[in-house]
ModelCIF file with pLDDT and N, C-alpha, C, O atoms, coordinates in Angstrom:
data_MODEL
#
_entry.id   MODEL 
#
_entity.id                         1 
_entity.type                       polymer 
_entity.pdbx_number_of_molecules   1 
#
_entity_poly.entity_id                      1 
_entity_poly.type                           'polypeptide(L)' 
_entity_poly.nstd_linkage                   no 
_entity_poly.nstd_monomer                   no 
_entity_poly.pdbx_seq_one_letter_code       
;(UNK)(UNK)(UNK)(UNK)(UNK)(UNK)(UNK)(UNK)(UNK)(UNK)(UNK)(UNK)(UNK)(UNK)(UNK)(UNK)
(UNK)(UNK)(UNK)(UNK)(UNK)(UNK)(UNK)(UNK)(UNK)(UNK)(UNK)(UNK)(UNK)(UNK)(UNK)(UNK)
(UNK)(UNK)(UNK)(UNK)(UNK)(UNK)
;
_entity_poly.pdbx_seq_one_letter_code_can   XXXXXXXXXXXXXXXXXXXXXXXXXXXXXXXXXXXXXX 
_entity_poly.pdbx_strand_id                 A 
#
loop_
_entity_poly_seq.entity_id 
_entity_poly_seq.num 
_entity_poly_seq.mon_id 
_entity_poly_seq.hetero 
1 1  UNK n 
1 2  UNK n 
1 3  UNK n 
1 4  UNK n 
1 5  UNK n 
1 6  UNK n 
1 7  UNK n 
1 8  UNK n 
1 9  UNK n 
1 10 UNK n 
1 11 UNK n 
1 12 UNK n 
1 13 UNK n 
1 14 UNK n 
1 15 UNK n 
1 16 UNK n 
1 17 UNK n 
1 18 UNK n 
1 19 UNK n 
1 20 UNK n 
1 21 UNK n 
1 22 UNK n 
1 23 UNK n 
1 24 UNK n 
1 25 UNK n 
1 26 UNK n 
1 27 UNK n 
1 28 UNK n 
1 29 UNK n 
1 30 UNK n 
1 31 UNK n 
1 32 UNK n 
1 33 UNK n 
1 34 UNK n 
1 35 UNK n 
1 36 UNK n 
1 37 UNK n 
1 38 UNK n 
#
_struct_asym.id          A 
_struct_asym.entity_id   1 
#
loop_
_ma_qa_metric.id 
_ma_qa_metric.mode 
_ma_qa_metric.name 
_ma_qa_metric.software_group_id 
_ma_qa_metric.type 
1 global pLDDT . pLDDT 
2 local  pLDDT . pLDDT 
#
_ma_qa_metric_global.metric_id      1 
_ma_qa_metric_global.metric_value   94.95 
_ma_qa_metric_global.model_id       1 
_ma_qa_metric_global.ordinal_id     1 
#
loop_
_ma_qa_metric_local.label_asym_id 
_ma_qa_metric_local.label_comp_id 
_ma_qa_metric_local.label_seq_id 
_ma_qa_metric_local.metric_id 
_ma_qa_metric_local.metric_value 
_ma_qa_metric_local.model_id 
_ma_qa_metric_local.ordinal_id 
A UNK 1  2 92.00 1 1  
A UNK 2  2 94.00 1 2  
A UNK 3  2 97.00 1 3  
A UNK 4  2 96.00 1 4  
A UNK 5  2 95.00 1 5  
A UNK 6  2 97.00 1 6  
A UNK 7  2 98.00 1 7  
A UNK 8  2 97.00 1 8  
A UNK 9  2 96.00 1 9  
A UNK 10 2 97.00 1 10 
A UNK 11 2 98.00 1 11 
A UNK 12 2 97.00 1 12 
A UNK 13 2 96.00 1 13 
A UNK 14 2 98.00 1 14 
A UNK 15 2 97.00 1 15 
A UNK 16 2 96.00 1 16 
A UNK 17 2 96.00 1 17 
A UNK 18 2 96.00 1 18 
A UNK 19 2 95.00 1 19 
A UNK 20 2 94.00 1 20 
A UNK 21 2 95.00 1 21 
A UNK 22 2 95.00 1 22 
A UNK 23 2 94.00 1 23 
A UNK 24 2 94.00 1 24 
A UNK 25 2 94.00 1 25 
A UNK 26 2 94.00 1 26 
A UNK 27 2 93.00 1 27 
A UNK 28 2 93.00 1 28 
A UNK 29 2 93.00 1 29 
A UNK 30 2 93.00 1 30 
A UNK 31 2 91.00 1 31 
A UNK 32 2 91.00 1 32 
A UNK 33 2 95.00 1 33 
A UNK 34 2 96.00 1 34 
A UNK 35 2 92.00 1 35 
A UNK 36 2 92.00 1 36 
A UNK 37 2 96.00 1 37 
A UNK 38 2 95.00 1 38 
#
loop_
_atom_site.group_PDB 
_atom_site.id 
_atom_site.type_symbol 
_atom_site.label_atom_id 
_atom_site.label_alt_id 
_atom_site.label_comp_id 
_atom_site.label_asym_id 
_atom_site.label_entity_id 
_atom_site.label_seq_id 
_atom_site.pdbx_PDB_ins_code 
_atom_site.Cartn_x 
_atom_site.Cartn_y 
_atom_site.Cartn_z 
_atom_site.occupancy 
_atom_site.B_iso_or_equiv 
_atom_site.pdbx_formal_charge 
_atom_site.auth_seq_id 
_atom_site.auth_comp_id 
_atom_site.auth_asym_id 
_atom_site.auth_atom_id 
_atom_site.pdbx_PDB_model_num 
ATOM 1   N N  . UNK A 1 1  ? 117.282 117.350 148.745 1.00 92.00 ? 1  UNK A N  1 
ATOM 2   C CA . UNK A 1 1  ? 116.952 118.216 149.898 1.00 92.00 ? 1  UNK A CA 1 
ATOM 3   C C  . UNK A 1 1  ? 116.626 119.562 149.480 1.00 92.00 ? 1  UNK A C  1 
ATOM 4   O O  . UNK A 1 1  ? 115.594 120.045 149.946 1.00 92.00 ? 1  UNK A O  1 
ATOM 5   N N  . UNK A 1 2  ? 117.533 120.458 148.446 1.00 94.00 ? 2  UNK A N  1 
ATOM 6   C CA . UNK A 1 2  ? 117.192 121.413 147.763 1.00 94.00 ? 2  UNK A CA 1 
ATOM 7   C C  . UNK A 1 2  ? 116.133 121.171 146.933 1.00 94.00 ? 2  UNK A C  1 
ATOM 8   O O  . UNK A 1 2  ? 115.303 122.055 147.141 1.00 94.00 ? 2  UNK A O  1 
ATOM 9   N N  . UNK A 1 3  ? 115.669 120.241 145.909 1.00 97.00 ? 3  UNK A N  1 
ATOM 10  C CA . UNK A 1 3  ? 114.004 119.932 145.839 1.00 97.00 ? 3  UNK A CA 1 
ATOM 11  C C  . UNK A 1 3  ? 113.045 119.967 146.907 1.00 97.00 ? 3  UNK A C  1 
ATOM 12  O O  . UNK A 1 3  ? 111.923 120.471 146.964 1.00 97.00 ? 3  UNK A O  1 
ATOM 13  N N  . UNK A 1 4  ? 113.499 119.538 147.462 1.00 96.00 ? 4  UNK A N  1 
ATOM 14  C CA . UNK A 1 4  ? 112.675 119.205 148.903 1.00 96.00 ? 4  UNK A CA 1 
ATOM 15  C C  . UNK A 1 4  ? 111.869 120.939 149.369 1.00 96.00 ? 4  UNK A C  1 
ATOM 16  O O  . UNK A 1 4  ? 110.665 121.185 149.442 1.00 96.00 ? 4  UNK A O  1 
ATOM 17  N N  . UNK A 1 5  ? 112.983 121.841 149.601 1.00 95.00 ? 5  UNK A N  1 
ATOM 18  C CA . UNK A 1 5  ? 113.319 122.829 150.308 1.00 95.00 ? 5  UNK A CA 1 
ATOM 19  C C  . UNK A 1 5  ? 112.575 123.956 149.819 1.00 95.00 ? 5  UNK A C  1 
ATOM 20  O O  . UNK A 1 5  ? 111.956 124.787 150.484 1.00 95.00 ? 5  UNK A O  1 
ATOM 21  N N  . UNK A 1 6  ? 112.719 123.877 148.509 1.00 97.00 ? 6  UNK A N  1 
ATOM 22  C CA . UNK A 1 6  ? 112.324 124.759 147.460 1.00 97.00 ? 6  UNK A CA 1 
ATOM 23  C C  . UNK A 1 6  ? 110.521 124.353 147.187 1.00 97.00 ? 6  UNK A C  1 
ATOM 24  O O  . UNK A 1 6  ? 109.833 125.073 146.463 1.00 97.00 ? 6  UNK A O  1 
ATOM 25  N N  . UNK A 1 7  ? 109.865 122.924 147.993 1.00 98.00 ? 7  UNK A N  1 
ATOM 26  C CA . UNK A 1 7  ? 108.998 123.082 147.915 1.00 98.00 ? 7  UNK A CA 1 
ATOM 27  C C  . UNK A 1 7  ? 107.984 123.221 148.233 1.00 98.00 ? 7  UNK A C  1 
ATOM 28  O O  . UNK A 1 7  ? 106.874 123.298 147.708 1.00 98.00 ? 7  UNK A O  1 
ATOM 29  N N  . UNK A 1 8  ? 108.724 123.284 149.926 1.00 97.00 ? 8  UNK A N  1 
ATOM 30  C CA . UNK A 1 8  ? 108.022 123.450 151.130 1.00 97.00 ? 8  UNK A CA 1 
ATOM 31  C C  . UNK A 1 8  ? 107.745 125.524 151.365 1.00 97.00 ? 8  UNK A C  1 
ATOM 32  O O  . UNK A 1 8  ? 106.867 126.229 151.863 1.00 97.00 ? 8  UNK A O  1 
ATOM 33  N N  . UNK A 1 9  ? 109.304 125.800 150.543 1.00 96.00 ? 9  UNK A N  1 
ATOM 34  C CA . UNK A 1 9  ? 109.229 127.199 150.642 1.00 96.00 ? 9  UNK A CA 1 
ATOM 35  C C  . UNK A 1 9  ? 107.709 128.025 150.227 1.00 96.00 ? 9  UNK A C  1 
ATOM 36  O O  . UNK A 1 9  ? 107.092 128.710 151.043 1.00 96.00 ? 9  UNK A O  1 
ATOM 37  N N  . UNK A 1 10 ? 107.232 127.779 148.673 1.00 97.00 ? 10 UNK A N  1 
ATOM 38  C CA . UNK A 1 10 ? 106.443 127.595 147.715 1.00 97.00 ? 10 UNK A CA 1 
ATOM 39  C C  . UNK A 1 10 ? 104.974 127.368 148.363 1.00 97.00 ? 10 UNK A C  1 
ATOM 40  O O  . UNK A 1 10 ? 103.975 128.020 148.060 1.00 97.00 ? 10 UNK A O  1 
ATOM 41  N N  . UNK A 1 11 ? 105.028 126.406 149.233 1.00 98.00 ? 11 UNK A N  1 
ATOM 42  C CA . UNK A 1 11 ? 103.754 125.345 149.747 1.00 98.00 ? 11 UNK A CA 1 
ATOM 43  C C  . UNK A 1 11 ? 103.416 126.283 150.985 1.00 98.00 ? 11 UNK A C  1 
ATOM 44  O O  . UNK A 1 11 ? 102.275 126.346 151.442 1.00 98.00 ? 11 UNK A O  1 
ATOM 45  N N  . UNK A 1 12 ? 104.267 126.859 151.393 1.00 97.00 ? 12 UNK A N  1 
ATOM 46  C CA . UNK A 1 12 ? 104.183 127.543 152.537 1.00 97.00 ? 12 UNK A CA 1 
ATOM 47  C C  . UNK A 1 12 ? 103.328 128.551 152.233 1.00 97.00 ? 12 UNK A C  1 
ATOM 48  O O  . UNK A 1 12 ? 102.280 128.751 152.847 1.00 97.00 ? 12 UNK A O  1 
ATOM 49  N N  . UNK A 1 13 ? 103.788 129.312 151.156 1.00 96.00 ? 13 UNK A N  1 
ATOM 50  C CA . UNK A 1 13 ? 103.618 131.067 151.081 1.00 96.00 ? 13 UNK A CA 1 
ATOM 51  C C  . UNK A 1 13 ? 101.660 130.654 151.170 1.00 96.00 ? 13 UNK A C  1 
ATOM 52  O O  . UNK A 1 13 ? 100.765 130.981 151.948 1.00 96.00 ? 13 UNK A O  1 
ATOM 53  N N  . UNK A 1 14 ? 101.745 129.588 149.616 1.00 98.00 ? 14 UNK A N  1 
ATOM 54  C CA . UNK A 1 14 ? 100.811 129.484 149.796 1.00 98.00 ? 14 UNK A CA 1 
ATOM 55  C C  . UNK A 1 14 ? 99.462  128.689 150.478 1.00 98.00 ? 14 UNK A C  1 
ATOM 56  O O  . UNK A 1 14 ? 98.478  128.431 149.785 1.00 98.00 ? 14 UNK A O  1 
ATOM 57  N N  . UNK A 1 15 ? 99.523  128.424 151.562 1.00 97.00 ? 15 UNK A N  1 
ATOM 58  C CA . UNK A 1 15 ? 98.929  128.070 152.688 1.00 97.00 ? 15 UNK A CA 1 
ATOM 59  C C  . UNK A 1 15 ? 98.833  129.198 153.020 1.00 97.00 ? 15 UNK A C  1 
ATOM 60  O O  . UNK A 1 15 ? 98.057  129.897 152.368 1.00 97.00 ? 15 UNK A O  1 
ATOM 61  N N  . UNK A 1 16 ? 99.612  129.833 154.203 1.00 96.00 ? 16 UNK A N  1 
ATOM 62  C CA . UNK A 1 16 ? 99.233  130.716 154.446 1.00 96.00 ? 16 UNK A CA 1 
ATOM 63  C C  . UNK A 1 16 ? 98.735  132.020 153.983 1.00 96.00 ? 16 UNK A C  1 
ATOM 64  O O  . UNK A 1 16 ? 98.205  132.889 154.676 1.00 96.00 ? 16 UNK A O  1 
ATOM 65  N N  . UNK A 1 17 ? 99.018  132.046 152.491 1.00 96.00 ? 17 UNK A N  1 
ATOM 66  C CA . UNK A 1 17 ? 97.387  133.198 151.683 1.00 96.00 ? 17 UNK A CA 1 
ATOM 67  C C  . UNK A 1 17 ? 96.205  132.483 151.702 1.00 96.00 ? 17 UNK A C  1 
ATOM 68  O O  . UNK A 1 17 ? 95.148  133.092 151.869 1.00 96.00 ? 17 UNK A O  1 
ATOM 69  N N  . UNK A 1 18 ? 96.218  131.572 151.593 1.00 96.00 ? 18 UNK A N  1 
ATOM 70  C CA . UNK A 1 18 ? 95.185  130.492 151.755 1.00 96.00 ? 18 UNK A CA 1 
ATOM 71  C C  . UNK A 1 18 ? 94.389  130.861 153.234 1.00 96.00 ? 18 UNK A C  1 
ATOM 72  O O  . UNK A 1 18 ? 93.283  131.400 153.272 1.00 96.00 ? 18 UNK A O  1 
ATOM 73  N N  . UNK A 1 19 ? 95.182  130.458 154.438 1.00 95.00 ? 19 UNK A N  1 
ATOM 74  C CA . UNK A 1 19 ? 94.779  130.789 155.601 1.00 95.00 ? 19 UNK A CA 1 
ATOM 75  C C  . UNK A 1 19 ? 94.663  132.508 156.040 1.00 95.00 ? 19 UNK A C  1 
ATOM 76  O O  . UNK A 1 19 ? 94.518  132.689 157.249 1.00 95.00 ? 19 UNK A O  1 
ATOM 77  N N  . UNK A 1 20 ? 94.707  133.570 155.303 1.00 94.00 ? 20 UNK A N  1 
ATOM 78  C CA . UNK A 1 20 ? 94.591  134.842 155.121 1.00 94.00 ? 20 UNK A CA 1 
ATOM 79  C C  . UNK A 1 20 ? 94.803  135.137 157.244 1.00 94.00 ? 20 UNK A C  1 
ATOM 80  O O  . UNK A 1 20 ? 93.950  135.796 157.838 1.00 94.00 ? 20 UNK A O  1 
ATOM 81  N N  . UNK A 1 21 ? 95.413  134.829 157.623 1.00 95.00 ? 21 UNK A N  1 
ATOM 82  C CA . UNK A 1 21 ? 95.282  135.569 159.114 1.00 95.00 ? 21 UNK A CA 1 
ATOM 83  C C  . UNK A 1 21 ? 96.585  135.974 159.239 1.00 95.00 ? 21 UNK A C  1 
ATOM 84  O O  . UNK A 1 21 ? 97.601  135.279 159.216 1.00 95.00 ? 21 UNK A O  1 
ATOM 85  N N  . UNK A 1 22 ? 96.462  137.221 159.381 1.00 95.00 ? 22 UNK A N  1 
ATOM 86  C CA . UNK A 1 22 ? 97.762  138.086 159.898 1.00 95.00 ? 22 UNK A CA 1 
ATOM 87  C C  . UNK A 1 22 ? 98.835  137.621 161.160 1.00 95.00 ? 22 UNK A C  1 
ATOM 88  O O  . UNK A 1 22 ? 100.024 137.926 161.245 1.00 95.00 ? 22 UNK A O  1 
ATOM 89  N N  . UNK A 1 23 ? 98.113  136.874 162.011 1.00 94.00 ? 23 UNK A N  1 
ATOM 90  C CA . UNK A 1 23 ? 98.590  136.527 163.000 1.00 94.00 ? 23 UNK A CA 1 
ATOM 91  C C  . UNK A 1 23 ? 99.756  135.066 162.637 1.00 94.00 ? 23 UNK A C  1 
ATOM 92  O O  . UNK A 1 23 ? 100.838 134.819 163.169 1.00 94.00 ? 23 UNK A O  1 
ATOM 93  N N  . UNK A 1 24 ? 99.117  134.407 161.693 1.00 94.00 ? 24 UNK A N  1 
ATOM 94  C CA . UNK A 1 24 ? 99.652  133.142 161.292 1.00 94.00 ? 24 UNK A CA 1 
ATOM 95  C C  . UNK A 1 24 ? 100.754 133.232 160.439 1.00 94.00 ? 24 UNK A C  1 
ATOM 96  O O  . UNK A 1 24 ? 101.850 132.671 160.427 1.00 94.00 ? 24 UNK A O  1 
ATOM 97  N N  . UNK A 1 25 ? 99.914  134.528 159.332 1.00 94.00 ? 25 UNK A N  1 
ATOM 98  C CA . UNK A 1 25 ? 101.710 135.124 158.724 1.00 94.00 ? 25 UNK A CA 1 
ATOM 99  C C  . UNK A 1 25 ? 102.364 135.573 159.386 1.00 94.00 ? 25 UNK A C  1 
ATOM 100 O O  . UNK A 1 25 ? 103.464 135.067 159.166 1.00 94.00 ? 25 UNK A O  1 
ATOM 101 N N  . UNK A 1 26 ? 102.447 136.383 160.268 1.00 94.00 ? 26 UNK A N  1 
ATOM 102 C CA . UNK A 1 26 ? 103.765 137.358 161.165 1.00 94.00 ? 26 UNK A CA 1 
ATOM 103 C C  . UNK A 1 26 ? 104.230 135.922 162.163 1.00 94.00 ? 26 UNK A C  1 
ATOM 104 O O  . UNK A 1 26 ? 104.970 136.374 163.037 1.00 94.00 ? 26 UNK A O  1 
ATOM 105 N N  . UNK A 1 27 ? 104.150 135.125 162.263 1.00 93.00 ? 27 UNK A N  1 
ATOM 106 C CA . UNK A 1 27 ? 104.299 134.350 163.280 1.00 93.00 ? 27 UNK A CA 1 
ATOM 107 C C  . UNK A 1 27 ? 105.388 133.543 162.244 1.00 93.00 ? 27 UNK A C  1 
ATOM 108 O O  . UNK A 1 27 ? 106.395 133.039 162.741 1.00 93.00 ? 27 UNK A O  1 
ATOM 109 N N  . UNK A 1 28 ? 105.185 133.467 161.072 1.00 93.00 ? 28 UNK A N  1 
ATOM 110 C CA . UNK A 1 28 ? 105.840 131.869 160.079 1.00 93.00 ? 28 UNK A CA 1 
ATOM 111 C C  . UNK A 1 28 ? 107.187 133.084 159.512 1.00 93.00 ? 28 UNK A C  1 
ATOM 112 O O  . UNK A 1 28 ? 108.351 132.791 159.235 1.00 93.00 ? 28 UNK A O  1 
ATOM 113 N N  . UNK A 1 29 ? 106.609 134.313 159.477 1.00 93.00 ? 29 UNK A N  1 
ATOM 114 C CA . UNK A 1 29 ? 107.874 134.385 158.480 1.00 93.00 ? 29 UNK A CA 1 
ATOM 115 C C  . UNK A 1 29 ? 108.909 135.399 159.220 1.00 93.00 ? 29 UNK A C  1 
ATOM 116 O O  . UNK A 1 29 ? 109.786 136.177 158.845 1.00 93.00 ? 29 UNK A O  1 
ATOM 117 N N  . UNK A 1 30 ? 108.112 134.809 161.015 1.00 93.00 ? 30 UNK A N  1 
ATOM 118 C CA . UNK A 1 30 ? 109.334 135.860 161.798 1.00 93.00 ? 30 UNK A CA 1 
ATOM 119 C C  . UNK A 1 30 ? 110.282 134.247 161.638 1.00 93.00 ? 30 UNK A C  1 
ATOM 120 O O  . UNK A 1 30 ? 111.440 134.194 161.223 1.00 93.00 ? 30 UNK A O  1 
ATOM 121 N N  . UNK A 1 31 ? 109.417 132.985 162.096 1.00 91.00 ? 31 UNK A N  1 
ATOM 122 C CA . UNK A 1 31 ? 110.877 132.454 161.979 1.00 91.00 ? 31 UNK A CA 1 
ATOM 123 C C  . UNK A 1 31 ? 111.170 131.841 160.363 1.00 91.00 ? 31 UNK A C  1 
ATOM 124 O O  . UNK A 1 31 ? 112.274 131.444 159.991 1.00 91.00 ? 31 UNK A O  1 
ATOM 125 N N  . UNK A 1 32 ? 110.427 131.853 159.851 1.00 91.00 ? 32 UNK A N  1 
ATOM 126 C CA . UNK A 1 32 ? 111.375 131.711 158.553 1.00 91.00 ? 32 UNK A CA 1 
ATOM 127 C C  . UNK A 1 32 ? 112.581 132.787 158.291 1.00 91.00 ? 32 UNK A C  1 
ATOM 128 O O  . UNK A 1 32 ? 113.565 132.432 157.642 1.00 91.00 ? 32 UNK A O  1 
ATOM 129 N N  . UNK A 1 33 ? 112.479 134.039 158.786 1.00 95.00 ? 33 UNK A N  1 
ATOM 130 C CA . UNK A 1 33 ? 113.688 134.771 158.554 1.00 95.00 ? 33 UNK A CA 1 
ATOM 131 C C  . UNK A 1 33 ? 114.821 134.576 159.610 1.00 95.00 ? 33 UNK A C  1 
ATOM 132 O O  . UNK A 1 33 ? 116.038 134.702 159.480 1.00 95.00 ? 33 UNK A O  1 
ATOM 133 N N  . UNK A 1 34 ? 114.125 134.260 160.608 1.00 96.00 ? 34 UNK A N  1 
ATOM 134 C CA . UNK A 1 34 ? 115.091 133.536 161.383 1.00 96.00 ? 34 UNK A CA 1 
ATOM 135 C C  . UNK A 1 34 ? 116.549 132.811 161.148 1.00 96.00 ? 34 UNK A C  1 
ATOM 136 O O  . UNK A 1 34 ? 117.729 133.075 161.378 1.00 96.00 ? 34 UNK A O  1 
ATOM 137 N N  . UNK A 1 35 ? 115.733 131.667 160.514 1.00 92.00 ? 35 UNK A N  1 
ATOM 138 C CA . UNK A 1 35 ? 115.872 130.337 159.549 1.00 92.00 ? 35 UNK A CA 1 
ATOM 139 C C  . UNK A 1 35 ? 117.067 130.647 158.686 1.00 92.00 ? 35 UNK A C  1 
ATOM 140 O O  . UNK A 1 35 ? 118.126 130.021 158.649 1.00 92.00 ? 35 UNK A O  1 
ATOM 141 N N  . UNK A 1 36 ? 116.659 131.912 157.870 1.00 92.00 ? 36 UNK A N  1 
ATOM 142 C CA . UNK A 1 36 ? 117.661 132.642 156.498 1.00 92.00 ? 36 UNK A CA 1 
ATOM 143 C C  . UNK A 1 36 ? 118.715 133.137 157.606 1.00 92.00 ? 36 UNK A C  1 
ATOM 144 O O  . UNK A 1 36 ? 119.885 132.771 157.715 1.00 92.00 ? 36 UNK A O  1 
ATOM 145 N N  . UNK A 1 37 ? 118.081 133.973 158.324 1.00 96.00 ? 37 UNK A N  1 
ATOM 146 C CA . UNK A 1 37 ? 120.335 134.404 158.729 1.00 96.00 ? 37 UNK A CA 1 
ATOM 147 C C  . UNK A 1 37 ? 120.326 133.526 159.540 1.00 96.00 ? 37 UNK A C  1 
ATOM 148 O O  . UNK A 1 37 ? 121.044 134.095 160.362 1.00 96.00 ? 37 UNK A O  1 
ATOM 149 N N  . UNK A 1 38 ? 120.081 132.512 160.032 1.00 95.00 ? 38 UNK A N  1 
ATOM 150 C CA . UNK A 1 38 ? 121.592 131.374 160.417 1.00 95.00 ? 38 UNK A CA 1 
ATOM 151 C C  . UNK A 1 38 ? 121.538 130.934 159.656 1.00 95.00 ? 38 UNK A C  1 
ATOM 152 O O  . UNK A 1 38 ? 122.342 130.035 159.405 1.00 95.00 ? 38 UNK A O  1 
#
């Protein structure tokens, strides 16, 4: 599960970079920060 979580993290960052959509990027980063704090 830790391996798959590391893959998902790296993958999403690359997906967001490809999409180059500030709204999408901010939405995900807000989700991710809340998850990290939790």
